[in-house]
Amino acid sequence: MIEKHFTLDRNLPGPDHRFSADPAEFRLLVDSIRTLEKSLGSPELRPAASETLGRCNYRISCVAARELAAGHHLTTSDVVFRRPGWGFPPKELERLIARELVRAVEPGHVFSPEDFS
């Protein structure tokens, strides 16, 4: 909370006028407060726009370690972790093991739900 006295003339009678803000000083005070409010940012916690691209580009996914045929049941040796991070994350590797591929995939293919039966 901010309290500031305002006057149009500091020479008016009364004790408050001599230390009150005139219109120009009051405008400066308000502008400074608005700048401060912007610098405080948002109370909402989320990635900044500049971080959104990095969330995908710098994370890693489960990808095919080699060429795999349709009908193949995935093993841990069939999977490596590579960028980009828009596929299954490494923490979901156990979920992929022993699942059957519904299509053949090339080395480096980023696994997606559509690859499995």
PDB file of N, CA and C in Angstrom:
ATOM      1  N   MET A   1       0.849  -1.160   0.000  1.00  0.00           N
ATOM      2  CA  MET A   1       0.000   0.000   0.000  1.00  0.00           C
ATOM      3  C   MET A   1       0.901   1.231   0.000  1.00  0.00           C
ATOM      4  N   ILE A   2       0.493   2.201  -0.764  1.00  0.00           N
ATOM      5  CA  ILE A   2       1.243   3.454  -0.844  1.00  0.00           C
ATOM      6  C   ILE A   2       0.271   4.597  -0.570  1.00  0.00           C
ATOM      7  N   GLU A   3       0.693   5.496   0.304  1.00  0.00           N
ATOM      8  CA  GLU A   3      -0.098   6.697   0.581  1.00  0.00           C
ATOM      9  C   GLU A   3       0.770   7.897   0.249  1.00  0.00           C
ATOM     10  N   LYS A   4       0.244   8.804  -0.555  1.00  0.00           N
ATOM     11  CA  LYS A   4       0.977  10.016  -0.887  1.00  0.00           C
ATOM     12  C   LYS A   4      -0.023  11.158  -0.986  1.00  0.00           C
ATOM     13  N   HIS A   5       0.287  12.247  -0.336  1.00  0.00           N
ATOM     14  CA  HIS A   5      -0.573  13.434  -0.406  1.00  0.00           C
ATOM     15  C   HIS A   5      -0.341  14.122  -1.743  1.00  0.00           C
ATOM     16  N   PHE A   6      -1.403  14.744  -2.231  1.00  0.00           N
ATOM     17  CA  PHE A   6      -1.371  15.411  -3.522  1.00  0.00           C
ATOM     18  C   PHE A   6      -1.822  16.852  -3.346  1.00  0.00           C
ATOM     19  N   THR A   7      -1.157  17.769  -4.051  1.00  0.00           N
ATOM     20  CA  THR A   7      -1.556  19.180  -4.026  1.00  0.00           C
ATOM     21  C   THR A   7      -1.340  19.800  -5.392  1.00  0.00           C
ATOM     22  N   LEU A   8      -2.119  20.829  -5.653  1.00  0.00           N
ATOM     23  CA  LEU A   8      -1.908  21.605  -6.876  1.00  0.00           C
ATOM     24  C   LEU A   8      -0.965  22.777  -6.629  1.00  0.00           C
ATOM     25  N   ASP A   9      -0.776  23.136  -5.331  1.00  0.00           N
ATOM     26  CA  ASP A   9       0.065  24.284  -4.993  1.00  0.00           C
ATOM     27  C   ASP A   9       0.651  24.064  -3.599  1.00  0.00           C
ATOM     28  N   ARG A  10       1.957  23.978  -3.500  1.00  0.00           N
ATOM     29  CA  ARG A  10       2.615  23.764  -2.209  1.00  0.00           C
ATOM     30  C   ARG A  10       2.531  24.994  -1.296  1.00  0.00           C
ATOM     31  N   ASN A  11       2.137  26.121  -1.837  1.00  0.00           N
ATOM     32  CA  ASN A  11       2.049  27.357  -1.047  1.00  0.00           C
ATOM     33  C   ASN A  11       0.677  27.557  -0.411  1.00  0.00           C
ATOM     34  N   LEU A  12      -0.226  26.611  -0.631  1.00  0.00           N
ATOM     35  CA  LEU A  12      -1.546  26.719  -0.012  1.00  0.00           C
ATOM     36  C   LEU A  12      -1.399  26.550   1.504  1.00  0.00           C
ATOM     37  N   PRO A  13      -2.367  27.108   2.275  1.00  0.00           N
ATOM     38  CA  PRO A  13      -2.289  26.974   3.726  1.00  0.00           C
ATOM     39  C   PRO A  13      -2.523  25.523   4.164  1.00  0.00           C
ATOM     40  N   GLY A  14      -1.992  25.166   5.296  1.00  0.00           N
ATOM     41  CA  GLY A  14      -2.155  23.833   5.857  1.00  0.00           C
ATOM     42  C   GLY A  14      -0.825  23.096   5.889  1.00  0.00           C
ATOM     43  N   PRO A  15      -0.712  22.149   6.800  1.00  0.00           N
ATOM     44  CA  PRO A  15       0.567  21.483   7.002  1.00  0.00           C
ATOM     45  C   PRO A  15       0.933  20.468   5.908  1.00  0.00           C
ATOM     46  N   ASP A  16      -0.037  19.952   5.172  1.00  0.00           N
ATOM     47  CA  ASP A  16       0.247  18.871   4.236  1.00  0.00           C
ATOM     48  C   ASP A  16       0.768  19.336   2.880  1.00  0.00           C
ATOM     49  N   HIS A  17       0.470  20.515   2.465  1.00  0.00           N
ATOM     50  CA  HIS A  17       0.792  20.965   1.101  1.00  0.00           C
ATOM     51  C   HIS A  17       2.289  21.017   0.835  1.00  0.00           C
ATOM     52  N   ARG A  18       3.094  21.409   1.825  1.00  0.00           N
ATOM     53  CA  ARG A  18       4.526  21.586   1.558  1.00  0.00           C
ATOM     54  C   ARG A  18       5.252  20.277   1.277  1.00  0.00           C
ATOM     55  N   PHE A  19       4.746  19.115   1.749  1.00  0.00           N
ATOM     56  CA  PHE A  19       5.404  17.837   1.472  1.00  0.00           C
ATOM     57  C   PHE A  19       4.578  16.947   0.532  1.00  0.00           C
ATOM     58  N   SER A  20       3.520  17.487  -0.048  1.00  0.00           N
ATOM     59  CA  SER A  20       2.676  16.725  -0.969  1.00  0.00           C
ATOM     60  C   SER A  20       3.269  16.740  -2.374  1.00  0.00           C
ATOM     61  N   ALA A  21       2.864  15.785  -3.166  1.00  0.00           N
ATOM     62  CA  ALA A  21       3.331  15.702  -4.556  1.00  0.00           C
ATOM     63  C   ALA A  21       2.489  16.609  -5.433  1.00  0.00           C
ATOM     64  N   ASP A  22       3.181  17.314  -6.336  1.00  0.00           N
ATOM     65  CA  ASP A  22       2.443  18.101  -7.325  1.00  0.00           C
ATOM     66  C   ASP A  22       2.100  17.156  -8.489  1.00  0.00           C
ATOM     67  N   PRO A  23       1.337  17.617  -9.495  1.00  0.00           N
ATOM     68  CA  PRO A  23       0.915  16.709 -10.575  1.00  0.00           C
ATOM     69  C   PRO A  23       2.082  15.997 -11.280  1.00  0.00           C
ATOM     70  N   ALA A  24       3.170  16.688 -11.557  1.00  0.00           N
ATOM     71  CA  ALA A  24       4.307  16.064 -12.248  1.00  0.00           C
ATOM     72  C   ALA A  24       4.959  14.996 -11.370  1.00  0.00           C
ATOM     73  N   GLU A  25       5.136  15.277 -10.083  1.00  0.00           N
ATOM     74  CA  GLU A  25       5.732  14.303  -9.168  1.00  0.00           C
ATOM     75  C   GLU A  25       4.808  13.092  -8.984  1.00  0.00           C
ATOM     76  N   PHE A  26       3.508  13.379  -8.934  1.00  0.00           N
ATOM     77  CA  PHE A  26       2.566  12.279  -8.763  1.00  0.00           C
ATOM     78  C   PHE A  26       2.569  11.368  -9.989  1.00  0.00           C
ATOM     79  N   ARG A  27       2.662  11.947 -11.189  1.00  0.00           N
ATOM     80  CA  ARG A  27       2.745  11.159 -12.432  1.00  0.00           C
ATOM     81  C   ARG A  27       3.989  10.272 -12.401  1.00  0.00           C
ATOM     82  N   LEU A  28       5.122  10.835 -11.957  1.00  0.00           N
ATOM     83  CA  LEU A  28       6.369  10.075 -11.846  1.00  0.00           C
ATOM     84  C   LEU A  28       6.212   8.916 -10.849  1.00  0.00           C
ATOM     85  N   LEU A  29       5.542   9.171  -9.731  1.00  0.00           N
ATOM     86  CA  LEU A  29       5.305   8.129  -8.735  1.00  0.00           C
ATOM     87  C   LEU A  29       4.464   6.997  -9.318  1.00  0.00           C
ATOM     88  N   VAL A  30       3.383   7.346  -9.991  1.00  0.00           N
ATOM     89  CA  VAL A  30       2.495   6.336 -10.586  1.00  0.00           C
ATOM     90  C   VAL A  30       3.242   5.533 -11.651  1.00  0.00           C
ATOM     91  N   ASP A  31       3.986   6.213 -12.517  1.00  0.00           N
ATOM     92  CA  ASP A  31       4.751   5.508 -13.558  1.00  0.00           C
ATOM     93  C   ASP A  31       5.783   4.563 -12.945  1.00  0.00           C
ATOM     94  N   SER A  32       6.430   4.991 -11.887  1.00  0.00           N
ATOM     95  CA  SER A  32       7.422   4.146 -11.208  1.00  0.00           C
ATOM     96  C   SER A  32       6.772   2.920 -10.590  1.00  0.00           C
ATOM     97  N   ILE A  33       5.594   3.103 -10.026  1.00  0.00           N
ATOM     98  CA  ILE A  33       4.864   1.973  -9.445  1.00  0.00           C
ATOM     99  C   ILE A  33       4.477   0.978 -10.528  1.00  0.00           C
ATOM    100  N   ARG A  34       4.013   1.465 -11.683  1.00  0.00           N
ATOM    101  CA  ARG A  34       3.640   0.567 -12.790  1.00  0.00           C
ATOM    102  C   ARG A  34       4.865  -0.206 -13.288  1.00  0.00           C
ATOM    103  N   THR A  35       6.021   0.439 -13.350  1.00  0.00           N
ATOM    104  CA  THR A  35       7.253  -0.247 -13.744  1.00  0.00           C
ATOM    105  C   THR A  35       7.616  -1.326 -12.730  1.00  0.00           C
ATOM    106  N   LEU A  36       7.481  -1.011 -11.465  1.00  0.00           N
ATOM    107  CA  LEU A  36       7.758  -1.977 -10.410  1.00  0.00           C
ATOM    108  C   LEU A  36       6.819  -3.173 -10.509  1.00  0.00           C
ATOM    109  N   GLU A  37       5.529  -2.924 -10.752  1.00  0.00           N
ATOM    110  CA  GLU A  37       4.564  -4.019 -10.878  1.00  0.00           C
ATOM    111  C   GLU A  37       4.955  -4.975 -12.011  1.00  0.00           C
ATOM    112  N   LYS A  38       5.385  -4.420 -13.131  1.00  0.00           N
ATOM    113  CA  LYS A  38       5.806  -5.259 -14.258  1.00  0.00           C
ATOM    114  C   LYS A  38       7.041  -6.077 -13.908  1.00  0.00           C
ATOM    115  N   SER A  39       7.956  -5.482 -13.160  1.00  0.00           N
ATOM    116  CA  SER A  39       9.192  -6.192 -12.817  1.00  0.00           C
ATOM    117  C   SER A  39       8.953  -7.332 -11.835  1.00  0.00           C
ATOM    118  N   LEU A  40       7.841  -7.292 -11.114  1.00  0.00           N
ATOM    119  CA  LEU A  40       7.521  -8.375 -10.186  1.00  0.00           C
ATOM    120  C   LEU A  40       7.118  -9.643 -10.928  1.00  0.00           C
ATOM    121  N   GLY A  41       6.687  -9.516 -12.185  1.00  0.00           N
ATOM    122  CA  GLY A  41       6.315 -10.680 -12.974  1.00  0.00           C
ATOM    123  C   GLY A  41       4.952 -11.221 -12.587  1.00  0.00           C
ATOM    124  N   SER A  42       4.722 -12.455 -12.999  1.00  0.00           N
ATOM    125  CA  SER A  42       3.441 -13.112 -12.759  1.00  0.00           C
ATOM    126  C   SER A  42       3.579 -14.116 -11.623  1.00  0.00           C
ATOM    127  N   PRO A  43       2.565 -14.241 -10.789  1.00  0.00           N
ATOM    128  CA  PRO A  43       2.622 -15.254  -9.731  1.00  0.00           C
ATOM    129  C   PRO A  43       2.425 -16.671 -10.276  1.00  0.00           C
ATOM    130  N   GLU A  44       2.018 -16.775 -11.545  1.00  0.00           N
ATOM    131  CA  GLU A  44       1.791 -18.075 -12.167  1.00  0.00           C
ATOM    132  C   GLU A  44       3.130 -18.716 -12.521  1.00  0.00           C
ATOM    133  N   LEU A  45       3.319 -19.959 -12.093  1.00  0.00           N
ATOM    134  CA  LEU A  45       4.556 -20.678 -12.376  1.00  0.00           C
ATOM    135  C   LEU A  45       4.363 -21.541 -13.613  1.00  0.00           C
ATOM    136  N   ARG A  46       5.075 -21.205 -14.658  1.00  0.00           N
ATOM    137  CA  ARG A  46       5.051 -21.971 -15.905  1.00  0.00           C
ATOM    138  C   ARG A  46       6.293 -21.612 -16.697  1.00  0.00           C
ATOM    139  N   PRO A  47       6.664 -22.435 -17.659  1.00  0.00           N
ATOM    140  CA  PRO A  47       7.848 -22.107 -18.456  1.00  0.00           C
ATOM    141  C   PRO A  47       7.625 -20.820 -19.258  1.00  0.00           C
ATOM    142  N   ALA A  48       8.663 -20.053 -19.381  1.00  0.00           N
ATOM    143  CA  ALA A  48       8.610 -18.860 -20.233  1.00  0.00           C
ATOM    144  C   ALA A  48       8.547 -19.313 -21.686  1.00  0.00           C
ATOM    145  N   ALA A  49       8.090 -18.435 -22.557  1.00  0.00           N
ATOM    146  CA  ALA A  49       8.004 -18.768 -23.981  1.00  0.00           C
ATOM    147  C   ALA A  49       9.351 -19.219 -24.518  1.00  0.00           C
ATOM    148  N   SER A  50      10.423 -18.597 -24.060  1.00  0.00           N
ATOM    149  CA  SER A  50      11.756 -18.962 -24.530  1.00  0.00           C
ATOM    150  C   SER A  50      12.179 -20.353 -24.064  1.00  0.00           C
ATOM    151  N   GLU A  51      11.549 -20.867 -23.015  1.00  0.00           N
ATOM    152  CA  GLU A  51      11.884 -22.195 -22.503  1.00  0.00           C
ATOM    153  C   GLU A  51      11.078 -23.305 -23.158  1.00  0.00           C
ATOM    154  N   THR A  52       9.960 -22.968 -23.774  1.00  0.00           N
ATOM    155  CA  THR A  52       9.064 -23.965 -24.334  1.00  0.00           C
ATOM    156  C   THR A  52       9.751 -24.791 -25.415  1.00  0.00           C
ATOM    157  N   LEU A  53      10.469 -24.144 -26.321  1.00  0.00           N
ATOM    158  CA  LEU A  53      11.172 -24.856 -27.381  1.00  0.00           C
ATOM    159  C   LEU A  53      12.209 -25.798 -26.776  1.00  0.00           C
ATOM    160  N   GLY A  54      12.923 -25.344 -25.772  1.00  0.00           N
ATOM    161  CA  GLY A  54      13.940 -26.154 -25.125  1.00  0.00           C
ATOM    162  C   GLY A  54      13.379 -27.383 -24.448  1.00  0.00           C
ATOM    163  N   ARG A  55      12.160 -27.309 -23.974  1.00  0.00           N
ATOM    164  CA  ARG A  55      11.548 -28.459 -23.295  1.00  0.00           C
ATOM    165  C   ARG A  55      11.488 -29.656 -24.240  1.00  0.00           C
ATOM    166  N   CYS A  56      11.290 -29.405 -25.510  1.00  0.00           N
ATOM    167  CA  CYS A  56      11.249 -30.500 -26.488  1.00  0.00           C
ATOM    168  C   CYS A  56      12.644 -30.777 -27.034  1.00  0.00           C
ATOM    169  N   ASN A  57      13.357 -29.730 -27.430  1.00  0.00           N
ATOM    170  CA  ASN A  57      14.642 -29.912 -28.092  1.00  0.00           C
ATOM    171  C   ASN A  57      15.729 -30.474 -27.195  1.00  0.00           C
ATOM    172  N   TYR A  58      15.667 -30.240 -25.905  1.00  0.00           N
ATOM    173  CA  TYR A  58      16.742 -30.670 -25.020  1.00  0.00           C
ATOM    174  C   TYR A  58      16.387 -31.885 -24.177  1.00  0.00           C
ATOM    175  N   ARG A  59      15.166 -32.323 -24.228  1.00  0.00           N
ATOM    176  CA  ARG A  59      14.783 -33.552 -23.538  1.00  0.00           C
ATOM    177  C   ARG A  59      15.048 -34.724 -24.461  1.00  0.00           C
ATOM    178  N   ILE A  60      15.066 -35.905 -23.882  1.00  0.00           N
ATOM    179  CA  ILE A  60      15.352 -37.082 -24.695  1.00  0.00           C
ATOM    180  C   ILE A  60      14.158 -38.021 -24.726  1.00  0.00           C
ATOM    181  N   SER A  61      14.137 -38.865 -25.759  1.00  0.00           N
ATOM    182  CA  SER A  61      13.056 -39.823 -25.968  1.00  0.00           C
ATOM    183  C   SER A  61      13.634 -41.215 -26.138  1.00  0.00           C
ATOM    184  N   CYS A  62      12.764 -42.201 -26.041  1.00  0.00           N
ATOM    185  CA  CYS A  62      13.114 -43.582 -26.363  1.00  0.00           C
ATOM    186  C   CYS A  62      13.065 -43.723 -27.882  1.00  0.00           C
ATOM    187  N   VAL A  63      14.167 -44.143 -28.476  1.00  0.00           N
ATOM    188  CA  VAL A  63      14.233 -44.308 -29.931  1.00  0.00           C
ATOM    189  C   VAL A  63      14.785 -45.688 -30.263  1.00  0.00           C
ATOM    190  N   ALA A  64      14.554 -46.117 -31.493  1.00  0.00           N
ATOM    191  CA  ALA A  64      15.023 -47.432 -31.939  1.00  0.00           C
ATOM    192  C   ALA A  64      16.544 -47.435 -32.060  1.00  0.00           C
ATOM    193  N   ALA A  65      17.175 -48.425 -31.457  1.00  0.00           N
ATOM    194  CA  ALA A  65      18.633 -48.556 -31.514  1.00  0.00           C
ATOM    195  C   ALA A  65      19.081 -49.106 -32.867  1.00  0.00           C
ATOM    196  N   ARG A  66      18.193 -49.813 -33.539  1.00  0.00           N
ATOM    197  CA  ARG A  66      18.513 -50.432 -34.836  1.00  0.00           C
ATOM    198  C   ARG A  66      17.209 -50.633 -35.607  1.00  0.00           C
ATOM    199  N   GLU A  67      17.314 -51.133 -36.803  1.00  0.00           N
ATOM    200  CA  GLU A  67      16.125 -51.437 -37.589  1.00  0.00           C
ATOM    201  C   GLU A  67      15.364 -52.567 -36.907  1.00  0.00           C
ATOM    202  N   LEU A  68      14.054 -52.368 -36.757  1.00  0.00           N
ATOM    203  CA  LEU A  68      13.216 -53.364 -36.089  1.00  0.00           C
ATOM    204  C   LEU A  68      12.023 -53.683 -36.985  1.00  0.00           C
ATOM    205  N   ALA A  69      11.710 -54.963 -37.098  1.00  0.00           N
ATOM    206  CA  ALA A  69      10.628 -55.411 -37.975  1.00  0.00           C
ATOM    207  C   ALA A  69       9.276 -55.321 -37.274  1.00  0.00           C
ATOM    208  N   ALA A  70       8.235 -55.217 -38.093  1.00  0.00           N
ATOM    209  CA  ALA A  70       6.875 -55.286 -37.553  1.00  0.00           C
ATOM    210  C   ALA A  70       6.699 -56.632 -36.880  1.00  0.00           C
ATOM    211  N   GLY A  71       6.027 -56.670 -35.739  1.00  0.00           N
ATOM    212  CA  GLY A  71       5.815 -57.897 -34.994  1.00  0.00           C
ATOM    213  C   GLY A  71       6.893 -58.157 -33.950  1.00  0.00           C
ATOM    214  N   HIS A  72       7.963 -57.394 -33.992  1.00  0.00           N
ATOM    215  CA  HIS A  72       9.058 -57.561 -33.022  1.00  0.00           C
ATOM    216  C   HIS A  72       8.586 -57.112 -31.635  1.00  0.00           C
ATOM    217  N   HIS A  73       8.972 -57.875 -30.612  1.00  0.00           N
ATOM    218  CA  HIS A  73       8.670 -57.507 -29.233  1.00  0.00           C
ATOM    219  C   HIS A  73       9.890 -56.785 -28.667  1.00  0.00           C
ATOM    220  N   LEU A  74       9.697 -55.570 -28.230  1.00  0.00           N
ATOM    221  CA  LEU A  74      10.794 -54.702 -27.807  1.00  0.00           C
ATOM    222  C   LEU A  74      11.530 -55.245 -26.583  1.00  0.00           C
ATOM    223  N   THR A  75      12.867 -55.113 -26.615  1.00  0.00           N
ATOM    224  CA  THR A  75      13.722 -55.444 -25.469  1.00  0.00           C
ATOM    225  C   THR A  75      14.507 -54.194 -25.104  1.00  0.00           C
ATOM    226  N   THR A  76      15.149 -54.217 -23.961  1.00  0.00           N
ATOM    227  CA  THR A  76      15.921 -53.031 -23.539  1.00  0.00           C
ATOM    228  C   THR A  76      17.054 -52.735 -24.504  1.00  0.00           C
ATOM    229  N   SER A  77      17.617 -53.742 -25.143  1.00  0.00           N
ATOM    230  CA  SER A  77      18.710 -53.494 -26.090  1.00  0.00           C
ATOM    231  C   SER A  77      18.223 -52.890 -27.409  1.00  0.00           C
ATOM    232  N   ASP A  78      16.917 -52.864 -27.622  1.00  0.00           N
ATOM    233  CA  ASP A  78      16.345 -52.261 -28.826  1.00  0.00           C
ATOM    234  C   ASP A  78      16.158 -50.754 -28.688  1.00  0.00           C
ATOM    235  N   VAL A  79      16.352 -50.233 -27.476  1.00  0.00           N
ATOM    236  CA  VAL A  79      16.014 -48.836 -27.195  1.00  0.00           C
ATOM    237  C   VAL A  79      17.247 -48.060 -26.739  1.00  0.00           C
ATOM    238  N   VAL A  80      17.416 -46.868 -27.312  1.00  0.00           N
ATOM    239  CA  VAL A  80      18.426 -45.910 -26.842  1.00  0.00           C
ATOM    240  C   VAL A  80      17.710 -44.594 -26.592  1.00  0.00           C
ATOM    241  N   PHE A  81      18.389 -43.677 -25.943  1.00  0.00           N
ATOM    242  CA  PHE A  81      17.784 -42.383 -25.604  1.00  0.00           C
ATOM    243  C   PHE A  81      18.472 -41.284 -26.404  1.00  0.00           C
ATOM    244  N   ARG A  82      17.664 -40.536 -27.132  1.00  0.00           N
ATOM    245  CA  ARG A  82      18.178 -39.465 -27.987  1.00  0.00           C
ATOM    246  C   ARG A  82      17.221 -38.276 -27.959  1.00  0.00           C
ATOM    247  N   ARG A  83      17.706 -37.171 -28.475  1.00  0.00           N
ATOM    248  CA  ARG A  83      16.865 -35.996 -28.675  1.00  0.00           C
ATOM    249  C   ARG A  83      16.187 -36.119 -30.020  1.00  0.00           C
ATOM    250  N   PRO A  84      15.042 -35.511 -30.261  1.00  0.00           N
ATOM    251  CA  PRO A  84      14.283 -34.593 -29.415  1.00  0.00           C
ATOM    252  C   PRO A  84      13.394 -35.334 -28.424  1.00  0.00           C
ATOM    253  N   GLY A  85      12.789 -34.584 -27.527  1.00  0.00           N
ATOM    254  CA  GLY A  85      12.018 -35.167 -26.441  1.00  0.00           C
ATOM    255  C   GLY A  85      10.527 -35.200 -26.644  1.00  0.00           C
ATOM    256  N   TRP A  86      10.050 -35.417 -27.851  1.00  0.00           N
ATOM    257  CA  TRP A  86       8.604 -35.442 -28.055  1.00  0.00           C
ATOM    258  C   TRP A  86       8.034 -36.854 -28.088  1.00  0.00           C
ATOM    259  N   GLY A  87       8.852 -37.884 -27.828  1.00  0.00           N
ATOM    260  CA  GLY A  87       8.369 -39.268 -27.760  1.00  0.00           C
ATOM    261  C   GLY A  87       8.254 -39.724 -26.312  1.00  0.00           C
ATOM    262  N   PHE A  88       8.276 -41.043 -26.108  1.00  0.00           N
ATOM    263  CA  PHE A  88       8.223 -41.577 -24.752  1.00  0.00           C
ATOM    264  C   PHE A  88       9.489 -41.166 -23.994  1.00  0.00           C
ATOM    265  N   PRO A  89       9.374 -40.608 -22.805  1.00  0.00           N
ATOM    266  CA  PRO A  89      10.572 -40.261 -22.031  1.00  0.00           C
ATOM    267  C   PRO A  89      11.231 -41.523 -21.481  1.00  0.00           C
ATOM    268  N   PRO A  90      12.523 -41.472 -21.142  1.00  0.00           N
ATOM    269  CA  PRO A  90      13.214 -42.650 -20.613  1.00  0.00           C
ATOM    270  C   PRO A  90      12.539 -43.278 -19.401  1.00  0.00           C
ATOM    271  N   LYS A  91      11.871 -42.492 -18.597  1.00  0.00           N
ATOM    272  CA  LYS A  91      11.217 -43.064 -17.411  1.00  0.00           C
ATOM    273  C   LYS A  91      10.084 -44.018 -17.781  1.00  0.00           C
ATOM    274  N   GLU A  92       9.650 -44.014 -19.032  1.00  0.00           N
ATOM    275  CA  GLU A  92       8.591 -44.915 -19.479  1.00  0.00           C
ATOM    276  C   GLU A  92       9.125 -46.131 -20.224  1.00  0.00           C
ATOM    277  N   LEU A  93      10.429 -46.365 -20.166  1.00  0.00           N
ATOM    278  CA  LEU A  93      11.032 -47.498 -20.864  1.00  0.00           C
ATOM    279  C   LEU A  93      10.367 -48.820 -20.473  1.00  0.00           C
ATOM    280  N   GLU A  94      10.166 -49.039 -19.193  1.00  0.00           N
ATOM    281  CA  GLU A  94       9.561 -50.292 -18.735  1.00  0.00           C
ATOM    282  C   GLU A  94       8.188 -50.520 -19.353  1.00  0.00           C
ATOM    283  N   ARG A  95       7.487 -49.451 -19.644  1.00  0.00           N
ATOM    284  CA  ARG A  95       6.162 -49.542 -20.262  1.00  0.00           C
ATOM    285  C   ARG A  95       6.250 -50.053 -21.705  1.00  0.00           C
ATOM    286  N   LEU A  96       7.402 -49.845 -22.352  1.00  0.00           N
ATOM    287  CA  LEU A  96       7.577 -50.245 -23.750  1.00  0.00           C
ATOM    288  C   LEU A  96       8.099 -51.672 -23.912  1.00  0.00           C
ATOM    289  N   ILE A  97       8.834 -52.147 -22.929  1.00  0.00           N
ATOM    290  CA  ILE A  97       9.452 -53.460 -23.033  1.00  0.00           C
ATOM    291  C   ILE A  97       8.393 -54.548 -23.213  1.00  0.00           C
ATOM    292  N   ALA A  98       8.673 -55.451 -24.147  1.00  0.00           N
ATOM    293  CA  ALA A  98       7.825 -56.591 -24.496  1.00  0.00           C
ATOM    294  C   ALA A  98       6.597 -56.213 -25.329  1.00  0.00           C
ATOM    295  N   ARG A  99       6.426 -54.940 -25.617  1.00  0.00           N
ATOM    296  CA  ARG A  99       5.306 -54.562 -26.485  1.00  0.00           C
ATOM    297  C   ARG A  99       5.639 -54.901 -27.930  1.00  0.00           C
ATOM    298  N   GLU A 100       4.624 -55.212 -28.701  1.00  0.00           N
ATOM    299  CA  GLU A 100       4.800 -55.628 -30.091  1.00  0.00           C
ATOM    300  C   GLU A 100       4.679 -54.437 -31.034  1.00  0.00           C
ATOM    301  N   LEU A 101       5.648 -54.328 -31.943  1.00  0.00           N
ATOM    302  CA  LEU A 101       5.602 -53.272 -32.957  1.00  0.00           C
ATOM    303  C   LEU A 101       4.587 -53.632 -34.033  1.00  0.00           C
ATOM    304  N   VAL A 102       3.767 -52.676 -34.428  1.00  0.00           N
ATOM    305  CA  VAL A 102       2.787 -52.923 -35.489  1.00  0.00           C
ATOM    306  C   VAL A 102       3.333 -52.543 -36.861  1.00  0.00           C
ATOM    307  N   ARG A 103       4.523 -51.917 -36.866  1.00  0.00           N
ATOM    308  CA  ARG A 103       5.163 -51.538 -38.133  1.00  0.00           C
ATOM    309  C   ARG A 103       6.674 -51.588 -37.951  1.00  0.00           C
ATOM    310  N   ALA A 104       7.356 -51.706 -39.053  1.00  0.00           N
ATOM    311  CA  ALA A 104       8.820 -51.693 -39.023  1.00  0.00           C
ATOM    312  C   ALA A 104       9.294 -50.269 -38.761  1.00  0.00           C
ATOM    313  N   VAL A 105      10.412 -50.158 -38.049  1.00  0.00           N
ATOM    314  CA  VAL A 105      10.968 -48.824 -37.769  1.00  0.00           C
ATOM    315  C   VAL A 105      12.461 -48.807 -38.105  1.00  0.00           C
ATOM    316  N   GLU A 106      12.931 -47.655 -38.473  1.00  0.00           N
ATOM    317  CA  GLU A 106      14.338 -47.444 -38.815  1.00  0.00           C
ATOM    318  C   GLU A 106      15.130 -47.092 -37.564  1.00  0.00           C
ATOM    319  N   PRO A 107      16.458 -47.238 -37.613  1.00  0.00           N
ATOM    320  CA  PRO A 107      17.275 -46.794 -36.471  1.00  0.00           C
ATOM    321  C   PRO A 107      17.042 -45.301 -36.206  1.00  0.00           C
ATOM    322  N   GLY A 108      16.921 -44.929 -34.942  1.00  0.00           N
ATOM    323  CA  GLY A 108      16.696 -43.533 -34.581  1.00  0.00           C
ATOM    324  C   GLY A 108      15.238 -43.104 -34.579  1.00  0.00           C
ATOM    325  N   HIS A 109      14.344 -44.019 -34.950  1.00  0.00           N
ATOM    326  CA  HIS A 109      12.908 -43.698 -34.948  1.00  0.00           C
ATOM    327  C   HIS A 109      12.457 -43.403 -33.517  1.00  0.00           C
ATOM    328  N   VAL A 110      11.779 -42.288 -33.323  1.00  0.00           N
ATOM    329  CA  VAL A 110      11.245 -41.925 -32.000  1.00  0.00           C
ATOM    330  C   VAL A 110       9.947 -42.691 -31.796  1.00  0.00           C
ATOM    331  N   PHE A 111       9.924 -43.552 -30.795  1.00  0.00           N
ATOM    332  CA  PHE A 111       8.742 -44.366 -30.552  1.00  0.00           C
ATOM    333  C   PHE A 111       7.553 -43.512 -30.133  1.00  0.00           C
ATOM    334  N   SER A 112       6.381 -43.896 -30.646  1.00  0.00           N
ATOM    335  CA  SER A 112       5.129 -43.219 -30.299  1.00  0.00           C
ATOM    336  C   SER A 112       4.072 -44.294 -30.031  1.00  0.00           C
ATOM    337  N   PRO A 113       2.957 -43.927 -29.419  1.00  0.00           N
ATOM    338  CA  PRO A 113       1.911 -44.920 -29.131  1.00  0.00           C
ATOM    339  C   PRO A 113       1.429 -45.662 -30.370  1.00  0.00           C
ATOM    340  N   GLU A 114       1.448 -45.022 -31.530  1.00  0.00           N
ATOM    341  CA  GLU A 114       0.972 -45.641 -32.766  1.00  0.00           C
ATOM    342  C   GLU A 114       1.865 -46.784 -33.241  1.00  0.00           C
ATOM    343  N   ASP A 115       3.070 -46.906 -32.698  1.00  0.00           N
ATOM    344  CA  ASP A 115       3.998 -47.957 -33.115  1.00  0.00           C
ATOM    345  C   ASP A 115       3.672 -49.322 -32.516  1.00  0.00           C
ATOM    346  N   PHE A 116       2.808 -49.358 -31.511  1.00  0.00           N
ATOM    347  CA  PHE A 116       2.566 -50.579 -30.756  1.00  0.00           C
ATOM    348  C   PHE A 116       1.123 -51.029 -30.832  1.00  0.00           C
ATOM    349  N   SER A 117       0.953 -52.363 -30.679  1.00  0.00           N
ATOM    350  CA  SER A 117      -0.406 -52.908 -30.679  1.00  0.00           C
ATOM    351  C   SER A 117      -0.992 -52.785 -29.299  1.00  0.00           C
TER     352      SER A 117
END
